Amino acid sequence: MENVYTKRKVSAASASTCLVCLKPTTTVMYNKSGQDWFYCCDLHILDNPQFAQPIYTSHYKERLKRVNELGAKLGSHSATHSGNWDSWITNLFTSAKVAPPETKSQPNSEKPPADPADAEPKETLSQLKLQYDKELSAVADIKKNTRTYSLSQVMFESRQQRLKHLSNVKEQNRMHQEAYSNTDPEDLLKRYNFPELPKP
């Protein structure tokens, strides 16, 4: 049996007790490969690695990687362009190193006009925030709509043992049924030793 369970909803009339907390629930975890299923609350499935972990597609992993990259860019961008004391000192020293020395021939020269490149960080910051929010909402949607899960090793082994026990009980019942239903009384007396009545 494969450790892949699909989360499904049933009607309120078909609700049954949860495997964990024994409260009524309409969520069913179904394993197609082993015909195993059980009722479980959504609360126990979400963010509970000791019970079950979601199985995400490669599309989700790519989106998550993109979110992490955009988050790192946003963090570095806000650190360099924020108004806190450390960034101000850092920008002061870096601009002092990069700025060309002023000549004495232009003592009364006006300040040069603002470079359009100076306005670029604000645009890129807003674009980065927009892209980050868009990717983050896409990741949240994929996470919310995920329906396939893998149980933890302990839970999966207990489900396998339960299925084995049920199959053994079913096989024993079948053997008992065959032994007692399709035989005549004389054959039963030959095969089994029945207790005799005490003789007077």
C-alpha atoms as a PDB file:
ATOM      1  CA  MET A   1       0.000   0.000   0.000  1.00  0.00           C
ATOM      2  CA  GLU A   2       1.289   3.450  -0.944  1.00  0.00           C
ATOM      3  CA  ASN A   3       1.476   6.186   1.678  1.00  0.00           C
ATOM      4  CA  VAL A   4      -0.697   8.657  -0.261  1.00  0.00           C
ATOM      5  CA  TYR A   5      -4.040   9.701   1.208  1.00  0.00           C
ATOM      6  CA  THR A   6      -6.559  12.020  -0.433  1.00  0.00           C
ATOM      7  CA  LYS A   7      -8.681  14.367   1.644  1.00  0.00           C
ATOM      8  CA  ARG A   8     -12.369  14.279   0.766  1.00  0.00           C
ATOM      9  CA  LYS A   9     -15.554  15.768   2.181  1.00  0.00           C
ATOM     10  CA  VAL A  10     -18.760  13.829   2.764  1.00  0.00           C
ATOM     11  CA  SER A  11     -22.262  15.020   3.564  1.00  0.00           C
ATOM     12  CA  ALA A  12     -23.279  15.868   7.113  1.00  0.00           C
ATOM     13  CA  ALA A  13     -25.549  12.814   7.161  1.00  0.00           C
ATOM     14  CA  SER A  14     -22.501  10.580   6.553  1.00  0.00           C
ATOM     15  CA  ALA A  15     -20.348  12.211   9.254  1.00  0.00           C
ATOM     16  CA  SER A  16     -18.572   9.896  11.658  1.00  0.00           C
ATOM     17  CA  THR A  17     -16.180  10.083  14.607  1.00  0.00           C
ATOM     18  CA  CYS A  18     -12.663  11.418  14.108  1.00  0.00           C
ATOM     19  CA  LEU A  19      -9.819   8.924  14.471  1.00  0.00           C
ATOM     20  CA  VAL A  20      -7.949  11.271  16.827  1.00  0.00           C
ATOM     21  CA  CYS A  21     -10.468  13.184  18.951  1.00  0.00           C
ATOM     22  CA  LEU A  22     -13.642  11.087  18.427  1.00  0.00           C
ATOM     23  CA  LYS A  23     -15.713  14.148  17.501  1.00  0.00           C
ATOM     24  CA  PRO A  24     -18.040  13.984  14.480  1.00  0.00           C
ATOM     25  CA  THR A  25     -16.397  15.149  11.252  1.00  0.00           C
ATOM     26  CA  THR A  26     -17.131  15.149   7.526  1.00  0.00           C
ATOM     27  CA  THR A  27     -13.492  14.904   6.357  1.00  0.00           C
ATOM     28  CA  VAL A  28     -12.313  11.512   5.127  1.00  0.00           C
ATOM     29  CA  MET A  29      -8.744  10.468   4.336  1.00  0.00           C
ATOM     30  CA  TYR A  30      -8.865   7.858   1.569  1.00  0.00           C
ATOM     31  CA  ASN A  31      -6.066   5.628   0.263  1.00  0.00           C
ATOM     32  CA  LYS A  32      -6.892   4.340  -3.197  1.00  0.00           C
ATOM     33  CA  SER A  33      -4.043   1.827  -3.434  1.00  0.00           C
ATOM     34  CA  GLY A  34      -4.945  -0.085  -0.263  1.00  0.00           C
ATOM     35  CA  GLN A  35      -8.670   0.697   0.039  1.00  0.00           C
ATOM     36  CA  ASP A  36      -8.012   2.202   3.477  1.00  0.00           C
ATOM     37  CA  TRP A  37      -9.986   5.176   4.777  1.00  0.00           C
ATOM     38  CA  PHE A  38     -10.687   6.944   8.043  1.00  0.00           C
ATOM     39  CA  TYR A  39     -12.427  10.066   9.327  1.00  0.00           C
ATOM     40  CA  CYS A  40     -10.243  12.888  10.621  1.00  0.00           C
ATOM     41  CA  CYS A  41     -10.786  16.556  11.522  1.00  0.00           C
ATOM     42  CA  ASP A  42      -9.143  19.203   9.323  1.00  0.00           C
ATOM     43  CA  LEU A  43      -7.429  20.597  12.408  1.00  0.00           C
ATOM     44  CA  HIS A  44      -5.385  17.410  12.903  1.00  0.00           C
ATOM     45  CA  ILE A  45      -4.274  17.349   9.257  1.00  0.00           C
ATOM     46  CA  LEU A  46      -3.144  20.959   8.892  1.00  0.00           C
ATOM     47  CA  ASP A  47       0.357  21.824  10.147  1.00  0.00           C
ATOM     48  CA  ASN A  48       0.767  18.571  12.070  1.00  0.00           C
ATOM     49  CA  PRO A  49       3.864  16.686  10.840  1.00  0.00           C
ATOM     50  CA  GLN A  50       3.471  14.068  13.604  1.00  0.00           C
ATOM     51  CA  PHE A  51       0.226  12.985  11.951  1.00  0.00           C
ATOM     52  CA  ALA A  52       0.321  13.880   8.238  1.00  0.00           C
ATOM     53  CA  GLN A  53       2.281  16.032   5.821  1.00  0.00           C
ATOM     54  CA  PRO A  54       0.955  17.529   2.583  1.00  0.00           C
ATOM     55  CA  ILE A  55       2.387  16.306  -0.715  1.00  0.00           C
ATOM     56  CA  TYR A  56       3.091  19.370  -2.843  1.00  0.00           C
ATOM     57  CA  THR A  57       3.659  19.481  -6.590  1.00  0.00           C
ATOM     58  CA  SER A  58       6.778  20.832  -8.288  1.00  0.00           C
ATOM     59  CA  HIS A  59       4.763  23.934  -9.236  1.00  0.00           C
ATOM     60  CA  TYR A  60       4.288  24.738  -5.524  1.00  0.00           C
ATOM     61  CA  LYS A  61       8.014  24.242  -4.837  1.00  0.00           C
ATOM     62  CA  GLU A  62       8.940  26.603  -7.685  1.00  0.00           C
ATOM     63  CA  ARG A  63       6.526  29.235  -6.384  1.00  0.00           C
ATOM     64  CA  LEU A  64       7.866  28.867  -2.835  1.00  0.00           C
ATOM     65  CA  LYS A  65      11.445  29.264  -4.092  1.00  0.00           C
ATOM     66  CA  ARG A  66      10.390  32.412  -5.942  1.00  0.00           C
ATOM     67  CA  VAL A  67       8.740  33.784  -2.765  1.00  0.00           C
ATOM     68  CA  ASN A  68      11.942  33.166  -0.788  1.00  0.00           C
ATOM     69  CA  GLU A  69      14.046  34.905  -3.448  1.00  0.00           C
ATOM     70  CA  LEU A  70      11.714  37.923  -3.537  1.00  0.00           C
ATOM     71  CA  GLY A  71      11.683  38.049   0.274  1.00  0.00           C
ATOM     72  CA  ALA A  72      15.481  38.089   0.362  1.00  0.00           C
ATOM     73  CA  LYS A  73      15.567  40.867  -2.251  1.00  0.00           C
ATOM     74  CA  LEU A  74      13.009  42.872  -0.302  1.00  0.00           C
ATOM     75  CA  GLY A  75      14.999  42.437   2.913  1.00  0.00           C
ATOM     76  CA  SER A  76      18.271  43.563   1.373  1.00  0.00           C
ATOM     77  CA  HIS A  77      16.571  46.409  -0.494  1.00  0.00           C
ATOM     78  CA  SER A  78      14.811  47.728   2.604  1.00  0.00           C
ATOM     79  CA  ALA A  79      18.033  47.418   4.641  1.00  0.00           C
ATOM     80  CA  THR A  80      20.000  49.542   2.174  1.00  0.00           C
ATOM     81  CA  HIS A  81      17.255  52.118   1.519  1.00  0.00           C
ATOM     82  CA  SER A  82      15.607  52.394   4.924  1.00  0.00           C
ATOM     83  CA  GLY A  83      15.923  55.455   7.151  1.00  0.00           C
ATOM     84  CA  ASN A  84      17.505  53.868  10.201  1.00  0.00           C
ATOM     85  CA  TRP A  85      20.795  55.089  11.663  1.00  0.00           C
ATOM     86  CA  ASP A  86      22.964  52.169  10.476  1.00  0.00           C
ATOM     87  CA  SER A  87      21.887  52.443   6.861  1.00  0.00           C
ATOM     88  CA  TRP A  88      22.310  56.212   6.926  1.00  0.00           C
ATOM     89  CA  ILE A  89      25.920  55.874   8.165  1.00  0.00           C
ATOM     90  CA  THR A  90      26.631  53.139   5.634  1.00  0.00           C
ATOM     91  CA  ASN A  91      25.239  55.219   2.771  1.00  0.00           C
ATOM     92  CA  LEU A  92      27.210  58.234   3.968  1.00  0.00           C
ATOM     93  CA  PHE A  93      30.525  56.372   3.895  1.00  0.00           C
ATOM     94  CA  THR A  94      29.822  54.659   0.563  1.00  0.00           C
ATOM     95  CA  SER A  95      28.722  57.915  -1.081  1.00  0.00           C
ATOM     96  CA  ALA A  96      31.804  59.684   0.327  1.00  0.00           C
ATOM     97  CA  LYS A  97      34.057  57.081  -1.265  1.00  0.00           C
ATOM     98  CA  VAL A  98      32.284  57.135  -4.612  1.00  0.00           C
ATOM     99  CA  ALA A  99      31.679  60.892  -4.929  1.00  0.00           C
ATOM    100  CA  PRO A 100      34.243  62.719  -7.090  1.00  0.00           C
ATOM    101  CA  PRO A 101      36.259  65.468  -5.383  1.00  0.00           C
ATOM    102  CA  GLU A 102      34.891  68.976  -5.882  1.00  0.00           C
ATOM    103  CA  THR A 103      37.070  71.489  -7.680  1.00  0.00           C
ATOM    104  CA  LYS A 104      37.642  75.024  -6.404  1.00  0.00           C
ATOM    105  CA  SER A 105      36.884  76.471  -9.810  1.00  0.00           C
ATOM    106  CA  GLN A 106      33.142  76.082  -9.190  1.00  0.00           C
ATOM    107  CA  PRO A 107      32.545  77.297  -5.622  1.00  0.00           C
ATOM    108  CA  ASN A 108      29.107  78.771  -6.310  1.00  0.00           C
ATOM    109  CA  SER A 109      27.884  76.063  -8.656  1.00  0.00           C
ATOM    110  CA  GLU A 110      24.358  74.915  -8.106  1.00  0.00           C
ATOM    111  CA  LYS A 111      23.467  71.452  -7.014  1.00  0.00           C
ATOM    112  CA  PRO A 112      23.096  69.196 -10.048  1.00  0.00           C
ATOM    113  CA  PRO A 113      19.544  68.160 -10.938  1.00  0.00           C
ATOM    114  CA  ALA A 114      18.261  64.956  -9.426  1.00  0.00           C
ATOM    115  CA  ASP A 115      19.215  61.923 -11.389  1.00  0.00           C
ATOM    116  CA  PRO A 116      16.239  59.851 -12.593  1.00  0.00           C
ATOM    117  CA  ALA A 117      18.143  56.773 -11.401  1.00  0.00           C
ATOM    118  CA  ASP A 118      17.623  57.993  -7.806  1.00  0.00           C
ATOM    119  CA  ALA A 119      13.880  57.517  -8.185  1.00  0.00           C
ATOM    120  CA  GLU A 120      14.374  53.949  -9.414  1.00  0.00           C
ATOM    121  CA  PRO A 121      14.774  52.252  -5.985  1.00  0.00           C
ATOM    122  CA  LYS A 122      11.298  53.403  -4.926  1.00  0.00           C
ATOM    123  CA  GLU A 123       9.783  51.974  -8.115  1.00  0.00           C
ATOM    124  CA  THR A 124      11.668  48.728  -7.823  1.00  0.00           C
ATOM    125  CA  LEU A 125      10.721  48.440  -4.152  1.00  0.00           C
ATOM    126  CA  SER A 126       7.027  48.831  -4.957  1.00  0.00           C
ATOM    127  CA  GLN A 127       7.372  46.368  -7.847  1.00  0.00           C
ATOM    128  CA  LEU A 128       9.147  43.890  -5.595  1.00  0.00           C
ATOM    129  CA  LYS A 129       6.417  44.212  -2.963  1.00  0.00           C
ATOM    130  CA  LEU A 130       3.728  43.693  -5.601  1.00  0.00           C
ATOM    131  CA  GLN A 131       5.449  40.602  -7.009  1.00  0.00           C
ATOM    132  CA  TYR A 132       6.070  39.257  -3.499  1.00  0.00           C
ATOM    133  CA  ASP A 133       2.415  39.683  -2.494  1.00  0.00           C
ATOM    134  CA  LYS A 134       1.250  38.078  -5.736  1.00  0.00           C
ATOM    135  CA  GLU A 135       3.517  35.034  -5.339  1.00  0.00           C
ATOM    136  CA  LEU A 136       2.663  34.734  -1.646  1.00  0.00           C
ATOM    137  CA  SER A 137      -1.085  34.665  -2.367  1.00  0.00           C
ATOM    138  CA  ALA A 138      -0.516  32.054  -5.101  1.00  0.00           C
ATOM    139  CA  VAL A 139       1.457  29.877  -2.652  1.00  0.00           C
ATOM    140  CA  ALA A 140      -1.299  30.274  -0.029  1.00  0.00           C
ATOM    141  CA  ASP A 141      -3.951  29.236  -2.583  1.00  0.00           C
ATOM    142  CA  ILE A 142      -1.992  26.130  -3.596  1.00  0.00           C
ATOM    143  CA  LYS A 143      -1.446  25.241   0.066  1.00  0.00           C
ATOM    144  CA  LYS A 144      -5.139  25.700   0.842  1.00  0.00           C
ATOM    145  CA  ASN A 145      -6.282  23.542  -2.094  1.00  0.00           C
ATOM    146  CA  THR A 146      -3.842  20.678  -1.481  1.00  0.00           C
ATOM    147  CA  ARG A 147      -5.738  17.416  -1.041  1.00  0.00           C
ATOM    148  CA  THR A 148      -3.024  14.730  -1.002  1.00  0.00           C
ATOM    149  CA  TYR A 149      -1.150  13.859   2.190  1.00  0.00           C
ATOM    150  CA  SER A 150       1.322  11.285   3.447  1.00  0.00           C
ATOM    151  CA  LEU A 151       0.875   9.947   6.959  1.00  0.00           C
ATOM    152  CA  SER A 152       3.724   9.858   9.437  1.00  0.00           C
ATOM    153  CA  GLN A 153       5.622   6.577   9.647  1.00  0.00           C
ATOM    154  CA  VAL A 154       3.980   5.529  12.926  1.00  0.00           C
ATOM    155  CA  MET A 155       0.461   6.283  11.666  1.00  0.00           C
ATOM    156  CA  PHE A 156       1.046   4.546   8.337  1.00  0.00           C
ATOM    157  CA  GLU A 157       2.418   1.412  10.017  1.00  0.00           C
ATOM    158  CA  SER A 158      -0.583   1.298  12.358  1.00  0.00           C
ATOM    159  CA  ARG A 159      -2.930   1.551   9.346  1.00  0.00           C
ATOM    160  CA  GLN A 160      -1.051  -1.307   7.645  1.00  0.00           C
ATOM    161  CA  GLN A 161      -1.257  -3.465  10.767  1.00  0.00           C
ATOM    162  CA  ARG A 162      -4.968  -2.775  11.037  1.00  0.00           C
ATOM    163  CA  LEU A 163      -5.519  -3.860   7.424  1.00  0.00           C
ATOM    164  CA  LYS A 164      -3.493  -7.043   8.009  1.00  0.00           C
ATOM    165  CA  HIS A 165      -5.516  -7.827  11.132  1.00  0.00           C
ATOM    166  CA  LEU A 166      -8.792  -7.309   9.275  1.00  0.00           C
ATOM    167  CA  SER A 167      -7.677  -9.531   6.396  1.00  0.00           C
ATOM    168  CA  ASN A 168      -6.600 -12.259   8.866  1.00  0.00           C
ATOM    169  CA  VAL A 169      -9.957 -12.112  10.644  1.00  0.00           C
ATOM    170  CA  LYS A 170     -11.756 -12.261   7.313  1.00  0.00           C
ATOM    171  CA  GLU A 171      -9.717 -15.275   6.221  1.00  0.00           C
ATOM    172  CA  GLN A 172     -10.363 -17.084   9.519  1.00  0.00           C
ATOM    173  CA  ASN A 173     -14.102 -16.450   9.226  1.00  0.00           C
ATOM    174  CA  ARG A 174     -14.057 -17.781   5.675  1.00  0.00           C
ATOM    175  CA  MET A 175     -12.221 -20.932   6.752  1.00  0.00           C
ATOM    176  CA  HIS A 176     -14.651 -21.512   9.633  1.00  0.00           C
ATOM    177  CA  GLN A 177     -17.584 -20.984   7.321  1.00  0.00           C
ATOM    178  CA  GLU A 178     -16.230 -23.493   4.837  1.00  0.00           C
ATOM    179  CA  ALA A 179     -15.447 -26.000   7.590  1.00  0.00           C
ATOM    180  CA  TYR A 180     -18.928 -25.981   9.103  1.00  0.00           C
ATOM    181  CA  SER A 181     -21.320 -25.223   6.283  1.00  0.00           C
ATOM    182  CA  ASN A 182     -20.308 -27.605   3.489  1.00  0.00           C
ATOM    183  CA  THR A 183     -19.867 -30.816   5.438  1.00  0.00           C
ATOM    184  CA  ASP A 184     -22.224 -33.528   6.497  1.00  0.00           C
ATOM    185  CA  PRO A 185     -22.478 -34.608  10.167  1.00  0.00           C
ATOM    186  CA  GLU A 186     -20.576 -37.869   9.646  1.00  0.00           C
ATOM    187  CA  ASP A 187     -17.638 -36.064   8.103  1.00  0.00           C
ATOM    188  CA  LEU A 188     -17.619 -33.652  11.059  1.00  0.00           C
ATOM    189  CA  LEU A 189     -17.497 -36.585  13.499  1.00  0.00           C
ATOM    190  CA  LYS A 190     -14.490 -38.015  11.679  1.00  0.00           C
ATOM    191  CA  ARG A 191     -12.659 -34.725  11.507  1.00  0.00           C
ATOM    192  CA  TYR A 192     -13.328 -33.353  15.004  1.00  0.00           C
ATOM    193  CA  ASN A 193     -13.543 -35.002  18.436  1.00  0.00           C
ATOM    194  CA  PHE A 194     -16.804 -33.893  20.010  1.00  0.00           C
ATOM    195  CA  PRO A 195     -17.405 -34.471  23.724  1.00  0.00           C
ATOM    196  CA  GLU A 196     -19.614 -37.450  24.468  1.00  0.00           C
ATOM    197  CA  LEU A 197     -22.500 -37.558  26.866  1.00  0.00           C
ATOM    198  CA  PRO A 198     -21.788 -39.400  30.089  1.00  0.00           C
ATOM    199  CA  LYS A 199     -22.975 -42.999  30.016  1.00  0.00           C
ATOM    200  CA  PRO A 200     -25.555 -44.008  32.669  1.00  0.00           C
END
